[in-house]
Amino acid sequence: MSNLEIIIGSQMGSAEYVAEQLAEDLETRSVTCNLHEQPDLSECKGDTWLIVTSTYGAGDYPENLLPFISQLQEQADMSHIKFAVVGIGDSSYDTYNYAAINGAKLLSDKGAQALLPILKIDVLDEALPEDTALAWLPELSEIVSAI
């Protein structure tokens, strides 16, 4: 059985809902998920992460994710971490999915390994964000199960 730390960055609740839907589906695929709604680096025991975040304001991280990002910035080496990122944003803004993009760049700059390209979900699309994420999930599940 695989283990996945799901780190949530959510200002209004949409990213949290998507993360919960992904965790529920992953559990049926024999992937144990630990949801972190108020992420703290010391509580992320596993080395495989899924970050699900919205972008807030002018490309900013959601408030609940800021302390976690500060903790990551203080780390010298995150090469033991493998991660995937789901970003939820509005493509009518110039800062579309900046929280997801910047979070992935921060991890990569610290040596962490991206498992997949960032899934950028546009809230202006007709599909619900959770449906788009669930359609992408089998690809991540297959990779996580092989780790």
N, C-alpha and C. Protein backbone atom coordinates (compact mmCIF):
# COMPACT_ATOMS: atom_id res chain seq x y z
N MET A 1 0.84 -1.19 0.00
CA MET A 1 0.00 0.00 0.00
C MET A 1 0.88 1.24 0.00
N SER A 2 0.57 2.21 -0.86
CA SER A 2 1.32 3.45 -0.98
C SER A 2 0.77 4.49 -0.03
N ASN A 3 1.60 5.49 0.26
CA ASN A 3 1.22 6.56 1.17
C ASN A 3 1.43 7.89 0.46
N LEU A 4 0.48 8.82 0.63
CA LEU A 4 0.55 10.12 -0.02
C LEU A 4 0.15 11.21 0.96
N GLU A 5 1.00 12.22 1.06
CA GLU A 5 0.69 13.40 1.87
C GLU A 5 -0.02 14.38 0.94
N ILE A 6 -1.25 14.76 1.26
CA ILE A 6 -1.99 15.72 0.44
C ILE A 6 -2.00 17.06 1.18
N ILE A 7 -1.30 18.01 0.60
CA ILE A 7 -1.11 19.34 1.19
C ILE A 7 -2.08 20.30 0.50
N ILE A 8 -2.93 20.92 1.30
CA ILE A 8 -4.01 21.74 0.75
C ILE A 8 -3.73 23.23 0.97
N GLY A 9 -3.87 23.98 -0.12
CA GLY A 9 -3.83 25.44 -0.06
C GLY A 9 -5.17 25.94 -0.55
N SER A 10 -6.02 26.39 0.36
CA SER A 10 -7.38 26.75 -0.03
C SER A 10 -7.85 27.98 0.72
N GLN A 11 -8.28 28.98 -0.03
CA GLN A 11 -8.77 30.21 0.57
C GLN A 11 -10.28 30.16 0.76
N MET A 12 -11.00 29.68 -0.25
CA MET A 12 -12.45 29.69 -0.22
C MET A 12 -13.07 28.29 -0.13
N GLY A 13 -12.24 27.25 -0.11
CA GLY A 13 -12.75 25.90 0.06
C GLY A 13 -12.75 25.02 -1.17
N SER A 14 -12.57 25.59 -2.36
CA SER A 14 -12.64 24.76 -3.57
C SER A 14 -11.47 23.78 -3.66
N ALA A 15 -10.27 24.22 -3.34
CA ALA A 15 -9.12 23.32 -3.40
C ALA A 15 -9.24 22.23 -2.33
N GLU A 16 -9.78 22.60 -1.18
CA GLU A 16 -9.99 21.62 -0.12
C GLU A 16 -10.98 20.54 -0.58
N TYR A 17 -12.05 20.95 -1.24
CA TYR A 17 -13.03 19.98 -1.72
C TYR A 17 -12.41 19.05 -2.77
N VAL A 18 -11.64 19.61 -3.70
CA VAL A 18 -10.98 18.80 -4.72
C VAL A 18 -10.03 17.81 -4.05
N ALA A 19 -9.25 18.26 -3.09
CA ALA A 19 -8.31 17.38 -2.38
C ALA A 19 -9.04 16.24 -1.69
N GLU A 20 -10.17 16.54 -1.07
CA GLU A 20 -10.95 15.50 -0.39
C GLU A 20 -11.47 14.47 -1.39
N GLN A 21 -11.92 14.93 -2.56
CA GLN A 21 -12.41 14.02 -3.59
C GLN A 21 -11.28 13.12 -4.10
N LEU A 22 -10.10 13.71 -4.30
CA LEU A 22 -8.95 12.93 -4.75
C LEU A 22 -8.55 11.89 -3.70
N ALA A 23 -8.53 12.30 -2.44
CA ALA A 23 -8.17 11.37 -1.37
C ALA A 23 -9.14 10.20 -1.31
N GLU A 24 -10.42 10.50 -1.44
CA GLU A 24 -11.44 9.45 -1.40
C GLU A 24 -11.22 8.44 -2.53
N ASP A 25 -10.93 8.93 -3.73
CA ASP A 25 -10.70 8.05 -4.87
C ASP A 25 -9.38 7.27 -4.70
N LEU A 26 -8.35 7.93 -4.23
CA LEU A 26 -7.05 7.26 -4.03
C LEU A 26 -7.15 6.13 -3.02
N GLU A 27 -7.95 6.32 -1.98
CA GLU A 27 -8.12 5.28 -0.96
C GLU A 27 -8.69 4.01 -1.59
N THR A 28 -9.56 4.15 -2.60
CA THR A 28 -10.10 2.97 -3.28
C THR A 28 -9.05 2.29 -4.14
N ARG A 29 -7.96 2.99 -4.41
CA ARG A 29 -6.85 2.46 -5.21
C ARG A 29 -5.69 1.99 -4.32
N SER A 30 -5.97 1.78 -3.05
CA SER A 30 -4.98 1.31 -2.07
C SER A 30 -3.84 2.30 -1.84
N VAL A 31 -4.17 3.59 -1.91
CA VAL A 31 -3.21 4.63 -1.56
C VAL A 31 -3.72 5.30 -0.29
N THR A 32 -2.94 5.20 0.77
CA THR A 32 -3.30 5.84 2.04
C THR A 32 -2.98 7.33 1.93
N CYS A 33 -3.96 8.18 2.26
CA CYS A 33 -3.79 9.62 2.14
C CYS A 33 -3.86 10.30 3.50
N ASN A 34 -2.95 11.22 3.71
CA ASN A 34 -2.96 12.06 4.91
C ASN A 34 -3.24 13.48 4.44
N LEU A 35 -4.43 13.98 4.78
CA LEU A 35 -4.82 15.34 4.38
C LEU A 35 -4.26 16.36 5.37
N HIS A 36 -3.68 17.43 4.82
CA HIS A 36 -3.12 18.51 5.64
C HIS A 36 -3.81 19.81 5.28
N GLU A 37 -4.86 20.16 6.04
CA GLU A 37 -5.61 21.37 5.78
C GLU A 37 -4.92 22.61 6.32
N GLN A 38 -4.12 22.45 7.35
CA GLN A 38 -3.26 23.50 7.89
C GLN A 38 -1.84 22.94 7.84
N PRO A 39 -1.25 22.88 6.66
CA PRO A 39 0.01 22.14 6.47
C PRO A 39 1.14 22.63 7.36
N ASP A 40 1.85 21.65 7.92
CA ASP A 40 3.04 21.90 8.73
C ASP A 40 4.06 20.86 8.28
N LEU A 41 5.23 21.31 7.91
CA LEU A 41 6.24 20.42 7.37
C LEU A 41 6.55 19.26 8.31
N SER A 42 6.55 19.51 9.60
CA SER A 42 6.88 18.46 10.58
C SER A 42 5.83 17.34 10.61
N GLU A 43 4.63 17.62 10.10
CA GLU A 43 3.57 16.61 10.10
C GLU A 43 3.50 15.82 8.79
N CYS A 44 4.31 16.18 7.82
CA CYS A 44 4.35 15.48 6.54
C CYS A 44 5.42 14.40 6.63
N LYS A 45 5.01 13.23 7.09
CA LYS A 45 5.95 12.14 7.38
C LYS A 45 6.38 11.39 6.12
N GLY A 46 5.52 11.33 5.12
CA GLY A 46 5.84 10.61 3.90
C GLY A 46 6.67 11.45 2.94
N ASP A 47 7.28 10.77 1.97
CA ASP A 47 8.14 11.44 1.00
C ASP A 47 7.45 11.69 -0.34
N THR A 48 6.18 11.31 -0.46
CA THR A 48 5.43 11.53 -1.70
C THR A 48 4.27 12.47 -1.39
N TRP A 49 4.26 13.59 -2.09
CA TRP A 49 3.29 14.64 -1.80
C TRP A 49 2.42 14.95 -3.01
N LEU A 50 1.19 15.33 -2.72
CA LEU A 50 0.29 15.94 -3.71
C LEU A 50 -0.13 17.27 -3.12
N ILE A 51 0.21 18.34 -3.82
CA ILE A 51 -0.20 19.67 -3.38
C ILE A 51 -1.39 20.09 -4.22
N VAL A 52 -2.48 20.43 -3.55
CA VAL A 52 -3.69 20.90 -4.22
C VAL A 52 -3.92 22.31 -3.72
N THR A 53 -3.76 23.29 -4.63
CA THR A 53 -3.85 24.67 -4.18
C THR A 53 -4.58 25.56 -5.18
N SER A 54 -5.29 26.51 -4.63
CA SER A 54 -5.85 27.58 -5.44
C SER A 54 -4.83 28.72 -5.42
N THR A 55 -5.09 29.72 -6.25
CA THR A 55 -4.29 30.95 -6.23
C THR A 55 -5.19 32.05 -5.70
N TYR A 56 -4.64 32.87 -4.84
CA TYR A 56 -5.44 33.89 -4.17
C TYR A 56 -4.92 35.27 -4.55
N GLY A 57 -5.83 36.23 -4.66
CA GLY A 57 -5.43 37.61 -4.92
C GLY A 57 -4.66 37.74 -6.22
N ALA A 58 -3.52 38.41 -6.15
CA ALA A 58 -2.70 38.68 -7.34
C ALA A 58 -1.60 37.63 -7.47
N GLY A 59 -2.02 36.36 -7.51
CA GLY A 59 -1.04 35.29 -7.70
C GLY A 59 -0.44 34.76 -6.42
N ASP A 60 -1.09 35.02 -5.31
CA ASP A 60 -0.55 34.65 -4.00
C ASP A 60 -0.98 33.25 -3.58
N TYR A 61 -0.23 32.72 -2.61
CA TYR A 61 -0.62 31.47 -1.97
C TYR A 61 -1.82 31.73 -1.07
N PRO A 62 -2.71 30.77 -0.90
CA PRO A 62 -3.79 30.91 0.09
C PRO A 62 -3.18 31.08 1.49
N GLU A 63 -3.87 31.78 2.35
CA GLU A 63 -3.35 32.09 3.68
C GLU A 63 -2.97 30.85 4.48
N ASN A 64 -3.73 29.76 4.35
CA ASN A 64 -3.42 28.57 5.15
C ASN A 64 -2.12 27.89 4.69
N LEU A 65 -1.65 28.21 3.48
CA LEU A 65 -0.45 27.59 2.94
C LEU A 65 0.82 28.41 3.23
N LEU A 66 0.67 29.66 3.60
CA LEU A 66 1.82 30.55 3.80
C LEU A 66 2.84 30.04 4.82
N PRO A 67 2.42 29.56 6.00
CA PRO A 67 3.42 29.06 6.96
C PRO A 67 4.20 27.86 6.40
N PHE A 68 3.52 26.99 5.67
CA PHE A 68 4.16 25.82 5.07
C PHE A 68 5.20 26.25 4.03
N ILE A 69 4.84 27.22 3.20
CA ILE A 69 5.77 27.73 2.18
C ILE A 69 6.99 28.33 2.86
N SER A 70 6.79 29.06 3.95
CA SER A 70 7.93 29.62 4.70
C SER A 70 8.83 28.51 5.23
N GLN A 71 8.23 27.42 5.72
CA GLN A 71 9.03 26.28 6.20
C GLN A 71 9.83 25.67 5.05
N LEU A 72 9.22 25.54 3.89
CA LEU A 72 9.93 24.98 2.73
C LEU A 72 11.10 25.88 2.32
N GLN A 73 10.88 27.19 2.36
CA GLN A 73 11.93 28.13 1.97
C GLN A 73 13.15 28.02 2.87
N GLU A 74 12.95 27.60 4.10
CA GLU A 74 14.06 27.46 5.06
C GLU A 74 14.85 26.16 4.87
N GLN A 75 14.32 25.23 4.08
CA GLN A 75 14.98 23.93 3.89
C GLN A 75 16.10 24.05 2.86
N ALA A 76 17.19 23.37 3.12
CA ALA A 76 18.31 23.38 2.17
C ALA A 76 18.16 22.30 1.11
N ASP A 77 17.63 21.14 1.50
CA ASP A 77 17.59 20.01 0.59
C ASP A 77 16.28 19.25 0.76
N MET A 78 15.51 19.18 -0.31
CA MET A 78 14.24 18.44 -0.31
C MET A 78 14.31 17.31 -1.34
N SER A 79 15.51 16.81 -1.62
CA SER A 79 15.68 15.81 -2.68
C SER A 79 15.01 14.48 -2.37
N HIS A 80 14.62 14.26 -1.12
CA HIS A 80 13.93 13.02 -0.76
C HIS A 80 12.44 13.07 -1.11
N ILE A 81 11.94 14.24 -1.54
CA ILE A 81 10.52 14.43 -1.81
C ILE A 81 10.22 14.23 -3.30
N LYS A 82 9.14 13.49 -3.56
CA LYS A 82 8.57 13.37 -4.90
C LYS A 82 7.18 14.00 -4.80
N PHE A 83 6.81 14.78 -5.83
CA PHE A 83 5.56 15.53 -5.69
C PHE A 83 4.83 15.69 -7.01
N ALA A 84 3.53 15.97 -6.86
CA ALA A 84 2.67 16.40 -7.97
C ALA A 84 1.86 17.59 -7.46
N VAL A 85 1.43 18.43 -8.38
CA VAL A 85 0.69 19.63 -8.00
C VAL A 85 -0.57 19.76 -8.86
N VAL A 86 -1.67 20.06 -8.17
CA VAL A 86 -2.93 20.42 -8.83
C VAL A 86 -3.20 21.87 -8.47
N GLY A 87 -3.28 22.71 -9.50
CA GLY A 87 -3.58 24.12 -9.30
C GLY A 87 -4.98 24.44 -9.77
N ILE A 88 -5.67 25.26 -9.01
CA ILE A 88 -7.02 25.68 -9.37
C ILE A 88 -7.02 27.19 -9.47
N GLY A 89 -7.36 27.69 -10.66
CA GLY A 89 -7.32 29.13 -10.85
C GLY A 89 -8.28 29.60 -11.93
N ASP A 90 -8.23 30.88 -12.18
CA ASP A 90 -9.10 31.55 -13.14
C ASP A 90 -8.21 32.13 -14.24
N SER A 91 -8.34 31.58 -15.46
CA SER A 91 -7.46 31.97 -16.55
C SER A 91 -7.69 33.40 -17.05
N SER A 92 -8.69 34.10 -16.55
CA SER A 92 -8.89 35.48 -16.96
C SER A 92 -7.91 36.42 -16.23
N TYR A 93 -7.14 35.88 -15.28
CA TYR A 93 -6.14 36.67 -14.55
C TYR A 93 -4.75 36.39 -15.11
N ASP A 94 -3.91 37.41 -15.12
CA ASP A 94 -2.51 37.25 -15.55
C ASP A 94 -1.74 36.31 -14.63
N THR A 95 -2.20 36.17 -13.41
CA THR A 95 -1.51 35.35 -12.41
C THR A 95 -2.14 33.98 -12.28
N TYR A 96 -2.69 33.48 -13.38
CA TYR A 96 -3.38 32.20 -13.42
C TYR A 96 -2.50 31.07 -12.87
N ASN A 97 -2.96 30.46 -11.81
CA ASN A 97 -2.30 29.31 -11.17
C ASN A 97 -0.88 29.59 -10.67
N TYR A 98 -0.59 30.84 -10.34
CA TYR A 98 0.75 31.18 -9.84
C TYR A 98 1.11 30.44 -8.57
N ALA A 99 0.16 30.20 -7.67
CA ALA A 99 0.48 29.49 -6.43
C ALA A 99 0.99 28.08 -6.76
N ALA A 100 0.32 27.40 -7.67
CA ALA A 100 0.75 26.05 -8.06
C ALA A 100 2.11 26.10 -8.76
N ILE A 101 2.26 27.04 -9.67
CA ILE A 101 3.52 27.16 -10.43
C ILE A 101 4.68 27.49 -9.50
N ASN A 102 4.48 28.47 -8.62
CA ASN A 102 5.55 28.89 -7.72
C ASN A 102 5.87 27.83 -6.67
N GLY A 103 4.85 27.12 -6.20
CA GLY A 103 5.08 26.03 -5.24
C GLY A 103 5.89 24.91 -5.86
N ALA A 104 5.55 24.54 -7.09
CA ALA A 104 6.30 23.49 -7.79
C ALA A 104 7.74 23.93 -8.05
N LYS A 105 7.93 25.19 -8.42
CA LYS A 105 9.28 25.71 -8.67
C LYS A 105 10.10 25.71 -7.38
N LEU A 106 9.49 26.11 -6.29
CA LEU A 106 10.19 26.11 -5.00
C LEU A 106 10.67 24.71 -4.65
N LEU A 107 9.79 23.73 -4.78
CA LEU A 107 10.18 22.36 -4.47
C LEU A 107 11.29 21.87 -5.41
N SER A 108 11.14 22.13 -6.69
CA SER A 108 12.16 21.72 -7.65
C SER A 108 13.51 22.39 -7.36
N ASP A 109 13.46 23.68 -7.02
CA ASP A 109 14.70 24.40 -6.69
C ASP A 109 15.39 23.82 -5.45
N LYS A 110 14.61 23.19 -4.58
CA LYS A 110 15.16 22.57 -3.37
C LYS A 110 15.56 21.11 -3.61
N GLY A 111 15.42 20.64 -4.85
CA GLY A 111 15.86 19.29 -5.20
C GLY A 111 14.78 18.24 -5.26
N ALA A 112 13.54 18.61 -4.95
CA ALA A 112 12.44 17.63 -5.00
C ALA A 112 12.15 17.26 -6.46
N GLN A 113 11.61 16.07 -6.65
CA GLN A 113 11.37 15.54 -8.00
C GLN A 113 9.89 15.59 -8.34
N ALA A 114 9.55 16.28 -9.42
CA ALA A 114 8.16 16.33 -9.89
C ALA A 114 7.82 15.00 -10.56
N LEU A 115 6.69 14.42 -10.19
CA LEU A 115 6.23 13.17 -10.77
C LEU A 115 5.49 13.37 -12.09
N LEU A 116 4.82 14.50 -12.20
CA LEU A 116 4.01 14.84 -13.38
C LEU A 116 4.04 16.35 -13.58
N PRO A 117 3.74 16.82 -14.79
CA PRO A 117 3.55 18.26 -14.97
C PRO A 117 2.38 18.74 -14.09
N ILE A 118 2.38 20.01 -13.77
CA ILE A 118 1.30 20.59 -12.96
C ILE A 118 -0.03 20.43 -13.70
N LEU A 119 -1.04 19.96 -12.97
CA LEU A 119 -2.40 19.95 -13.52
C LEU A 119 -2.99 21.32 -13.21
N LYS A 120 -3.23 22.10 -14.25
CA LYS A 120 -3.80 23.44 -14.09
C LYS A 120 -5.28 23.38 -14.44
N ILE A 121 -6.09 23.57 -13.42
CA ILE A 121 -7.55 23.53 -13.60
C ILE A 121 -8.06 24.96 -13.68
N ASP A 122 -8.81 25.23 -14.73
CA ASP A 122 -9.39 26.56 -14.95
C ASP A 122 -10.85 26.53 -14.50
N VAL A 123 -11.17 27.37 -13.53
CA VAL A 123 -12.56 27.40 -13.03
C VAL A 123 -13.54 27.93 -14.07
N LEU A 124 -13.02 28.50 -15.16
CA LEU A 124 -13.90 28.98 -16.22
C LEU A 124 -14.31 27.86 -17.18
N ASP A 125 -13.65 26.72 -17.10
CA ASP A 125 -14.03 25.57 -17.94
C ASP A 125 -15.40 25.06 -17.52
N GLU A 126 -16.04 24.35 -18.43
CA GLU A 126 -17.36 23.81 -18.13
C GLU A 126 -17.31 22.69 -17.10
N ALA A 127 -16.26 21.89 -17.13
CA ALA A 127 -16.15 20.77 -16.19
C ALA A 127 -15.90 21.29 -14.77
N LEU A 128 -16.44 20.59 -13.80
CA LEU A 128 -16.19 20.93 -12.40
C LEU A 128 -14.72 20.64 -12.09
N PRO A 129 -14.08 21.44 -11.25
CA PRO A 129 -12.67 21.20 -10.92
C PRO A 129 -12.40 19.78 -10.42
N GLU A 130 -13.29 19.25 -9.58
CA GLU A 130 -13.07 17.90 -9.05
C GLU A 130 -13.16 16.84 -10.15
N ASP A 131 -14.02 17.07 -11.15
CA ASP A 131 -14.13 16.12 -12.26
C ASP A 131 -12.86 16.11 -13.10
N THR A 132 -12.30 17.28 -13.36
CA THR A 132 -11.04 17.37 -14.11
C THR A 132 -9.93 16.67 -13.34
N ALA A 133 -9.86 16.91 -12.04
CA ALA A 133 -8.82 16.30 -11.21
C ALA A 133 -8.99 14.78 -11.15
N LEU A 134 -10.22 14.32 -11.02
CA LEU A 134 -10.47 12.87 -10.95
C LEU A 134 -10.14 12.18 -12.27
N ALA A 135 -10.32 12.88 -13.40
CA ALA A 135 -9.97 12.30 -14.69
C ALA A 135 -8.45 12.15 -14.84
N TRP A 136 -7.69 13.02 -14.19
CA TRP A 136 -6.22 13.01 -14.22
C TRP A 136 -5.65 12.01 -13.22
N LEU A 137 -6.41 11.69 -12.21
CA LEU A 137 -5.92 10.91 -11.07
C LEU A 137 -5.34 9.54 -11.40
N PRO A 138 -5.90 8.76 -12.32
CA PRO A 138 -5.31 7.44 -12.58
C PRO A 138 -3.83 7.49 -12.96
N GLU A 139 -3.42 8.54 -13.67
CA GLU A 139 -2.01 8.68 -14.04
C GLU A 139 -1.15 8.84 -12.79
N LEU A 140 -1.58 9.69 -11.87
CA LEU A 140 -0.83 9.87 -10.62
C LEU A 140 -0.86 8.60 -9.79
N SER A 141 -2.02 7.98 -9.68
CA SER A 141 -2.15 6.77 -8.88
C SER A 141 -1.19 5.67 -9.34
N GLU A 142 -1.07 5.53 -10.65
CA GLU A 142 -0.17 4.51 -11.21
C GLU A 142 1.28 4.80 -10.81
N ILE A 143 1.69 6.05 -10.88
CA ILE A 143 3.06 6.43 -10.52
C ILE A 143 3.29 6.23 -9.03
N VAL A 144 2.36 6.68 -8.20
CA VAL A 144 2.50 6.56 -6.75
C VAL A 144 2.55 5.10 -6.32
N SER A 145 1.75 4.26 -6.95
CA SER A 145 1.73 2.83 -6.60
C SER A 145 3.03 2.14 -6.97
N ALA A 146 3.76 2.68 -7.95
CA ALA A 146 5.02 2.08 -8.38
C ALA A 146 6.21 2.53 -7.51
N ILE A 147 6.00 3.52 -6.67
CA ILE A 147 7.10 4.05 -5.83
C ILE A 147 7.34 3.11 -4.65
